[in-house]
Amino acid sequence: MEKIKIISVTSMILLIAAFSIYTKCDAKEDGKLKDKKIFLPEPKTKGSVSVEETLSKRRSVRKFQDTPLSIPEVSQLLWAAYGITEKDGRKTTPSAGATYPLEIYVVVKNVEKLKPGLYKYDSGGHFLTNIKEGNFYNEISETTYQPQMCKSAPMIFVITAITEKTTSVYGERGIRYIFMETGHSAQNISLQGVSLGIGSVLVGAFDDDKVAGVLSLKNGEIPLYIIPVGKTERYK
C-alpha cells in the first residue's frame, strides 16, 4: 500500500512538471502566459555597430516614424536598460552596493504582437508583465510639458525607483546614487537604440504625481525619467 502511494505521488509530480513545461513552451510560442507574462527573446551581446559609432550618432529625436517596434527590438532595449549580465544578478548598469532600486515600465502603443497598455519589466526572468490593458498614451504624454513629443512614439519607457532599497544602505546620499544609476540606464537605452535604428529623447520635465497616478505607484516609488522611443530616419 505504501509503495502504491509513493508511485502515485511520483506520477503526480511528473505530471505537474510535464504540464509546466508544456505551458511554458506554448506560452513562448504565443508570446504570452495566462498570468499576463510576456517572455522575451534572448538579447544579443554582439552587434554590428560599435560603441564609438553609437556615441557619435546619438541625438535627441523628438518626432518618430509611424512604424511599429518588434518584440526582439523591445527585448534588446529592455535588456540594455536593466538586464541581467551575470549569474549573480548583476545588471547592465552599475548600482551602489548592487542595491538596484530602479523599476522599468513601458507604455505600449504600437509594438508588434503586444496589445496597447502598461507593462513592467522583470529583469530576472527577462519578461514583461501586463499591468493594465488599454491606451494610456495620452495620459502619460499629458504628464509632460511637451506632450506631442511623446505622442508620436510607438513606446515610452518610464524609469522609477524604490528609494528605500538604496537609502536604507547609504542614507540620504543614496538618493544621489539613484540619480546616477538612472542616468546610466537611460544612456544604455539611447545607445542601444542607435544601434537598432531607434531614436529616443530623455524627458525630465513632467508632473511626478500624475505619472505616479497613471502607473499606480505605491508610496516610496518615485518616477525619474520618461523616454519615448521609436524608429527614425536619422540612424539609417
Foldseek 3Di string as FASTA:
>chain_A
DVVVVVVVVVVVVVVVVVVVVVQVVVCQVLQAHPQQKGAADDADPDADDDLVRLVVQFDADQAFDPDAAERRLVLHLVQLLWAADDPVRDGNFDAVVPLPFKWKKKQAAGYPSDAGAIWTADRVRSIIGGPDGDHCLQLVLVQFPHSSSQNNFRMKMWMKGLQCSQCVPVNPCSVVRVLVRNVSSVVSSRSSCLSVQKHKHKGQGGHFVSNCVSVVPDPRMTIGIMMGMHHDPSSD
